[in-house]
N, C-alpha and C. Protein backbone atom coordinates (compact mmCIF):
# COMPACT_ATOMS: atom_id res chain seq x y z
N UNK A 1 -106.83 -13.92 -18.63
CA UNK A 1 -106.32 -12.69 -18.03
C UNK A 1 -106.55 -12.50 -16.74
N UNK A 2 -105.78 -11.63 -16.15
CA UNK A 2 -105.88 -11.45 -14.58
C UNK A 2 -106.97 -10.47 -14.48
N UNK A 3 -107.48 -10.31 -13.40
CA UNK A 3 -108.67 -9.37 -13.14
C UNK A 3 -108.15 -7.90 -13.14
N UNK A 4 -107.12 -7.71 -12.76
CA UNK A 4 -106.23 -6.29 -12.76
C UNK A 4 -106.25 -5.74 -14.37
N UNK A 5 -105.63 -6.84 -15.10
CA UNK A 5 -105.49 -6.46 -16.49
C UNK A 5 -106.69 -6.11 -17.36
N UNK A 6 -107.89 -6.93 -17.03
CA UNK A 6 -109.21 -6.85 -17.30
C UNK A 6 -109.68 -5.58 -16.89
N UNK A 7 -109.50 -5.25 -15.78
CA UNK A 7 -110.23 -3.98 -15.18
C UNK A 7 -109.37 -2.70 -15.88
N UNK A 8 -108.01 -2.90 -16.11
CA UNK A 8 -107.39 -1.64 -16.68
C UNK A 8 -107.94 -1.68 -18.21
N UNK A 9 -108.16 -2.56 -18.79
CA UNK A 9 -108.62 -2.72 -20.29
C UNK A 9 -109.86 -1.92 -20.23
N UNK A 10 -110.89 -2.33 -19.45
CA UNK A 10 -112.02 -1.66 -19.36
C UNK A 10 -112.07 -0.32 -19.22
N UNK A 11 -111.07 0.06 -18.23
CA UNK A 11 -110.94 1.65 -17.83
C UNK A 11 -110.26 2.27 -18.94
N UNK A 12 -109.39 1.89 -19.50
CA UNK A 12 -108.72 2.40 -20.67
C UNK A 12 -109.75 2.66 -21.85
N UNK A 13 -110.52 1.70 -22.05
CA UNK A 13 -111.67 1.75 -23.02
C UNK A 13 -112.94 2.80 -22.73
N UNK A 14 -113.05 2.95 -21.34
CA UNK A 14 -114.04 3.73 -21.03
C UNK A 14 -113.46 5.23 -20.61
N UNK A 15 -112.25 5.30 -20.13
CA UNK A 15 -111.69 6.70 -19.85
C UNK A 15 -110.27 6.76 -19.97
N UNK A 16 -109.66 6.67 -21.17
CA UNK A 16 -108.38 6.54 -21.35
C UNK A 16 -107.32 7.50 -20.44
N UNK A 17 -107.91 8.86 -20.48
CA UNK A 17 -106.89 9.93 -19.88
C UNK A 17 -106.88 9.54 -18.37
N UNK A 18 -108.10 9.21 -17.83
CA UNK A 18 -107.88 8.64 -16.32
C UNK A 18 -107.04 7.50 -16.02
N UNK A 19 -107.24 6.53 -17.01
CA UNK A 19 -106.43 5.36 -16.88
C UNK A 19 -104.99 5.77 -17.03
N UNK A 20 -104.66 6.54 -17.80
CA UNK A 20 -103.27 6.98 -18.11
C UNK A 20 -102.58 7.57 -17.01
N UNK A 21 -103.52 8.52 -16.24
CA UNK A 21 -103.14 9.34 -15.00
C UNK A 21 -102.98 8.33 -13.97
N UNK A 22 -103.88 7.41 -13.82
CA UNK A 22 -103.99 6.34 -12.52
C UNK A 22 -102.54 5.53 -12.84
N UNK A 23 -102.27 5.05 -14.00
CA UNK A 23 -101.11 4.34 -14.28
C UNK A 23 -99.80 5.02 -13.92
N UNK A 24 -99.94 6.36 -14.38
CA UNK A 24 -98.68 6.96 -14.01
C UNK A 24 -98.38 7.26 -12.53
N UNK A 25 -99.52 7.61 -11.82
CA UNK A 25 -99.40 7.71 -10.46
C UNK A 25 -98.91 6.47 -9.79
N UNK A 26 -99.63 5.10 -10.20
CA UNK A 26 -99.11 3.86 -9.52
C UNK A 26 -97.58 3.64 -9.87
N UNK A 27 -97.24 4.33 -11.15
CA UNK A 27 -95.80 3.97 -11.48
C UNK A 27 -94.96 4.84 -10.55
N UNK A 28 -95.31 6.18 -10.55
CA UNK A 28 -94.55 6.94 -9.65
C UNK A 28 -94.44 6.55 -8.18
N UNK A 29 -95.57 5.95 -7.57
CA UNK A 29 -95.48 5.44 -6.21
C UNK A 29 -94.51 4.34 -6.13
N UNK A 30 -94.70 3.27 -7.03
CA UNK A 30 -93.78 2.11 -7.12
C UNK A 30 -92.33 2.47 -7.18
N UNK A 31 -92.05 3.57 -8.16
CA UNK A 31 -90.65 4.05 -7.95
C UNK A 31 -90.21 4.62 -6.79
N UNK A 32 -91.04 5.47 -6.08
CA UNK A 32 -90.58 6.19 -4.81
C UNK A 32 -90.39 5.16 -3.86
N UNK A 33 -91.28 3.87 -3.72
CA UNK A 33 -91.10 2.88 -2.70
C UNK A 33 -89.81 2.20 -2.97
N UNK A 34 -89.66 1.99 -4.38
CA UNK A 34 -88.33 1.10 -4.78
C UNK A 34 -87.05 2.17 -4.35
N UNK A 35 -87.17 3.39 -4.65
CA UNK A 35 -86.01 4.07 -4.39
C UNK A 35 -85.70 4.24 -2.68
N UNK A 36 -87.03 4.34 -2.14
CA UNK A 36 -86.66 4.29 -0.52
C UNK A 36 -86.00 3.12 -0.16
N UNK A 37 -86.41 1.90 -0.69
CA UNK A 37 -85.89 0.64 -0.20
C UNK A 37 -84.58 0.56 -0.72
N UNK A 38 -83.93 1.07 -1.80
CA UNK A 38 -82.67 1.04 -2.45
C UNK A 38 -81.75 2.00 -1.53
N UNK A 39 -82.30 3.09 -1.10
CA UNK A 39 -81.57 4.05 -0.27
C UNK A 39 -81.38 3.44 1.12
N UNK A 40 -82.41 2.73 1.85
CA UNK A 40 -82.39 2.00 2.85
C UNK A 40 -81.17 0.93 2.94
N UNK A 41 -81.25 0.07 1.64
CA UNK A 41 -80.22 -0.78 1.45
C UNK A 41 -78.70 -0.14 1.51
N UNK A 42 -78.55 0.95 0.93
CA UNK A 42 -77.22 1.45 0.77
C UNK A 42 -76.71 1.93 1.96
N UNK A 43 -77.94 2.61 2.93
CA UNK A 43 -77.41 2.89 4.05
C UNK A 43 -76.98 2.00 5.25
N UNK A 44 -77.73 0.73 4.91
CA UNK A 44 -77.28 -0.46 5.65
C UNK A 44 -76.01 -0.87 5.43
N UNK A 45 -75.59 -0.98 4.00
CA UNK A 45 -74.42 -1.47 3.63
C UNK A 45 -73.21 -0.48 4.03
N UNK A 46 -73.58 0.76 3.77
CA UNK A 46 -72.64 1.80 4.44
C UNK A 46 -72.18 1.78 6.05
N UNK A 47 -73.17 1.31 6.85
CA UNK A 47 -73.10 1.16 8.10
C UNK A 47 -72.25 -0.17 8.42
N UNK A 48 -72.64 -1.04 7.51
CA UNK A 48 -71.66 -2.40 7.71
C UNK A 48 -70.06 -2.34 7.29
N UNK A 49 -69.96 -1.58 6.22
CA UNK A 49 -68.83 -1.35 5.86
C UNK A 49 -68.13 -0.42 6.88
N UNK A 50 -68.67 0.68 7.48
CA UNK A 50 -67.99 1.40 8.61
C UNK A 50 -67.63 0.49 9.91
N UNK A 51 -68.48 -0.36 10.29
CA UNK A 51 -68.32 -1.24 11.20
C UNK A 51 -67.17 -2.13 10.97
N UNK A 52 -67.18 -2.69 9.68
CA UNK A 52 -65.97 -3.51 9.26
C UNK A 52 -64.69 -2.66 9.29
N UNK A 53 -64.53 -1.55 8.91
CA UNK A 53 -63.41 -0.65 8.71
C UNK A 53 -62.95 -0.58 10.33
N UNK A 54 -63.93 -0.09 11.02
CA UNK A 54 -63.47 0.10 12.54
C UNK A 54 -62.90 -1.16 13.13
N UNK A 55 -63.49 -2.32 12.90
CA UNK A 55 -62.83 -3.51 13.48
C UNK A 55 -61.53 -3.71 12.88
N UNK A 56 -61.36 -3.64 11.57
CA UNK A 56 -60.01 -3.74 11.02
C UNK A 56 -59.06 -2.71 11.41
N UNK A 57 -59.59 -1.33 11.64
CA UNK A 57 -58.55 -0.66 12.33
C UNK A 57 -58.17 -1.03 13.91
N UNK A 58 -59.02 -1.53 14.57
CA UNK A 58 -58.73 -1.87 15.90
C UNK A 58 -57.73 -3.34 16.05
N UNK A 59 -57.99 -3.95 14.97
CA UNK A 59 -57.14 -5.21 14.76
C UNK A 59 -55.80 -4.76 14.35
N UNK A 60 -55.72 -3.85 13.50
CA UNK A 60 -54.45 -3.44 12.90
C UNK A 60 -53.63 -2.73 14.07
N UNK A 61 -54.13 -2.07 14.88
CA UNK A 61 -53.62 -1.22 15.90
C UNK A 61 -53.17 -2.19 17.00
N UNK A 62 -53.87 -3.34 17.07
CA UNK A 62 -53.69 -4.40 18.34
C UNK A 62 -52.34 -5.12 17.61
N UNK A 63 -52.37 -5.54 16.56
CA UNK A 63 -51.35 -6.32 15.83
C UNK A 63 -49.95 -5.59 15.75
N UNK A 64 -50.12 -4.12 15.44
CA UNK A 64 -48.99 -3.24 15.30
C UNK A 64 -48.48 -3.32 16.65
N UNK A 65 -49.20 -3.12 17.68
CA UNK A 65 -48.55 -2.92 19.08
C UNK A 65 -47.82 -4.27 19.41
N UNK A 66 -48.56 -5.32 19.28
CA UNK A 66 -47.95 -6.56 19.24
C UNK A 66 -46.42 -6.85 18.63
N UNK A 67 -46.55 -6.39 17.45
CA UNK A 67 -45.37 -6.53 16.55
C UNK A 67 -44.23 -5.66 17.24
N UNK A 68 -44.54 -4.43 17.55
CA UNK A 68 -43.62 -3.51 18.12
C UNK A 68 -43.03 -4.01 19.44
N UNK A 69 -43.91 -4.58 20.28
CA UNK A 69 -43.23 -5.13 21.49
C UNK A 69 -42.39 -6.42 21.06
N UNK A 70 -42.75 -7.09 20.08
CA UNK A 70 -41.87 -8.27 19.90
C UNK A 70 -40.56 -8.03 19.25
N UNK A 71 -40.69 -6.86 18.42
CA UNK A 71 -39.54 -6.32 17.71
C UNK A 71 -38.58 -5.65 18.88
N UNK A 72 -38.90 -4.94 19.61
CA UNK A 72 -38.19 -4.37 20.72
C UNK A 72 -37.57 -5.44 21.72
N UNK A 73 -38.28 -6.61 21.94
CA UNK A 73 -37.66 -7.83 22.71
C UNK A 73 -36.55 -8.29 21.95
N UNK A 74 -36.80 -8.59 20.53
CA UNK A 74 -35.74 -9.10 19.54
C UNK A 74 -34.66 -8.18 19.62
N UNK A 75 -34.67 -6.97 19.44
CA UNK A 75 -33.40 -5.98 19.57
C UNK A 75 -32.94 -6.05 20.88
N UNK A 76 -33.81 -5.91 22.03
CA UNK A 76 -32.90 -6.05 23.25
C UNK A 76 -32.22 -7.48 23.27
N UNK A 77 -32.48 -8.54 22.76
CA UNK A 77 -32.04 -9.86 22.96
C UNK A 77 -30.84 -9.80 22.01
N UNK A 78 -30.79 -9.08 20.88
CA UNK A 78 -29.67 -9.40 19.97
C UNK A 78 -29.34 -7.90 19.42
N UNK A 79 -28.51 -7.29 20.31
CA UNK A 79 -28.31 -5.80 20.01
C UNK A 79 -27.40 -5.75 18.87
N UNK A 80 -26.41 -6.73 18.79
CA UNK A 80 -25.27 -6.65 17.63
C UNK A 80 -25.99 -6.99 16.30
N UNK A 81 -26.81 -7.99 16.23
CA UNK A 81 -27.20 -8.41 14.94
C UNK A 81 -28.23 -7.34 14.60
N UNK A 82 -28.70 -6.61 15.38
CA UNK A 82 -29.98 -5.51 15.11
C UNK A 82 -29.04 -4.33 14.46
N UNK A 83 -27.93 -3.98 15.23
CA UNK A 83 -27.23 -3.03 14.78
C UNK A 83 -26.67 -3.32 13.34
N UNK A 84 -26.22 -4.57 13.14
CA UNK A 84 -25.78 -4.92 11.85
C UNK A 84 -26.89 -4.67 10.69
N UNK A 85 -28.01 -5.28 11.11
CA UNK A 85 -29.33 -5.10 10.23
C UNK A 85 -29.35 -3.69 9.90
N UNK A 86 -29.46 -2.93 10.87
CA UNK A 86 -29.74 -1.29 10.61
C UNK A 86 -28.56 -0.92 9.69
N UNK A 87 -27.42 -1.07 9.92
CA UNK A 87 -26.20 -0.49 9.06
C UNK A 87 -26.39 -1.06 7.64
N UNK A 88 -26.73 -2.37 7.60
CA UNK A 88 -26.85 -2.65 6.24
C UNK A 88 -28.11 -1.99 5.37
N UNK A 89 -29.14 -1.62 6.15
CA UNK A 89 -30.26 -1.26 5.49
C UNK A 89 -30.02 0.54 5.18
N UNK A 90 -29.14 1.07 5.83
CA UNK A 90 -28.79 2.43 5.58
C UNK A 90 -27.80 2.47 4.51
N UNK A 91 -26.92 1.45 4.51
CA UNK A 91 -25.98 1.50 3.34
C UNK A 91 -26.74 1.21 2.13
N UNK A 92 -27.85 0.18 2.08
CA UNK A 92 -28.41 0.08 0.80
C UNK A 92 -29.29 1.32 0.48
N UNK A 93 -29.84 2.03 1.45
CA UNK A 93 -30.49 3.23 1.11
C UNK A 93 -29.64 4.34 0.76
N UNK A 94 -28.49 4.36 1.12
CA UNK A 94 -27.49 5.33 0.66
C UNK A 94 -27.12 4.98 -0.82
N UNK A 95 -26.67 3.60 -1.14
CA UNK A 95 -26.69 3.30 -2.53
C UNK A 95 -27.61 3.71 -3.58
N UNK A 96 -28.84 3.36 -3.11
CA UNK A 96 -30.02 3.76 -3.93
C UNK A 96 -30.07 5.25 -4.35
N UNK A 97 -30.01 6.02 -3.10
CA UNK A 97 -30.30 7.33 -3.26
C UNK A 97 -28.90 8.00 -4.31
N UNK A 98 -27.63 7.38 -3.84
CA UNK A 98 -26.61 8.07 -4.72
C UNK A 98 -26.79 7.45 -6.08
N UNK A 99 -27.22 6.27 -6.64
CA UNK A 99 -27.65 5.99 -7.99
C UNK A 99 -28.76 6.76 -8.56
N UNK A 100 -29.55 7.02 -7.85
CA UNK A 100 -30.66 8.05 -8.28
C UNK A 100 -30.23 9.37 -8.57
N UNK A 101 -29.43 9.92 -7.76
CA UNK A 101 -28.67 11.13 -7.93
C UNK A 101 -27.81 10.91 -9.22
N UNK A 102 -26.96 10.17 -9.20
CA UNK A 102 -26.07 9.99 -10.48
C UNK A 102 -26.96 9.86 -11.63
N UNK A 103 -28.19 9.14 -11.81
CA UNK A 103 -28.82 8.87 -12.98
C UNK A 103 -29.55 10.29 -13.32
N UNK A 104 -29.87 11.14 -12.34
CA UNK A 104 -30.59 12.37 -12.53
C UNK A 104 -29.69 13.32 -13.15
N UNK A 105 -28.37 13.31 -12.73
CA UNK A 105 -27.32 14.21 -13.05
C UNK A 105 -26.88 14.08 -14.41
N UNK A 106 -27.05 12.91 -14.94
CA UNK A 106 -26.77 12.49 -16.38
C UNK A 106 -27.82 13.09 -17.31
N UNK A 107 -29.02 13.01 -17.00
CA UNK A 107 -30.07 13.44 -17.81
C UNK A 107 -30.20 15.02 -18.04
């Protein structure tokens, strides 16, 4: 047996109330230390997530701006095709809204 276990057994045999109180105090201290470490780990993880979200947001803004510039160049380069695409999208949206309206009118 380890010396700690032997010492604890002797203490329990000699003064069980003190041994119990000492054991409870050690358990409480260990629990608090573990809780502190867990809290620190959670805070560290939260900071890492916040940094990642910030980087993701910056990257999304950069890519969005780049896509907007490219779209503008494409529209300027092909105005007729762009107009046709917009007209088709508007027609499709109109059909979908009319269909939904007709369906809700029947119900």
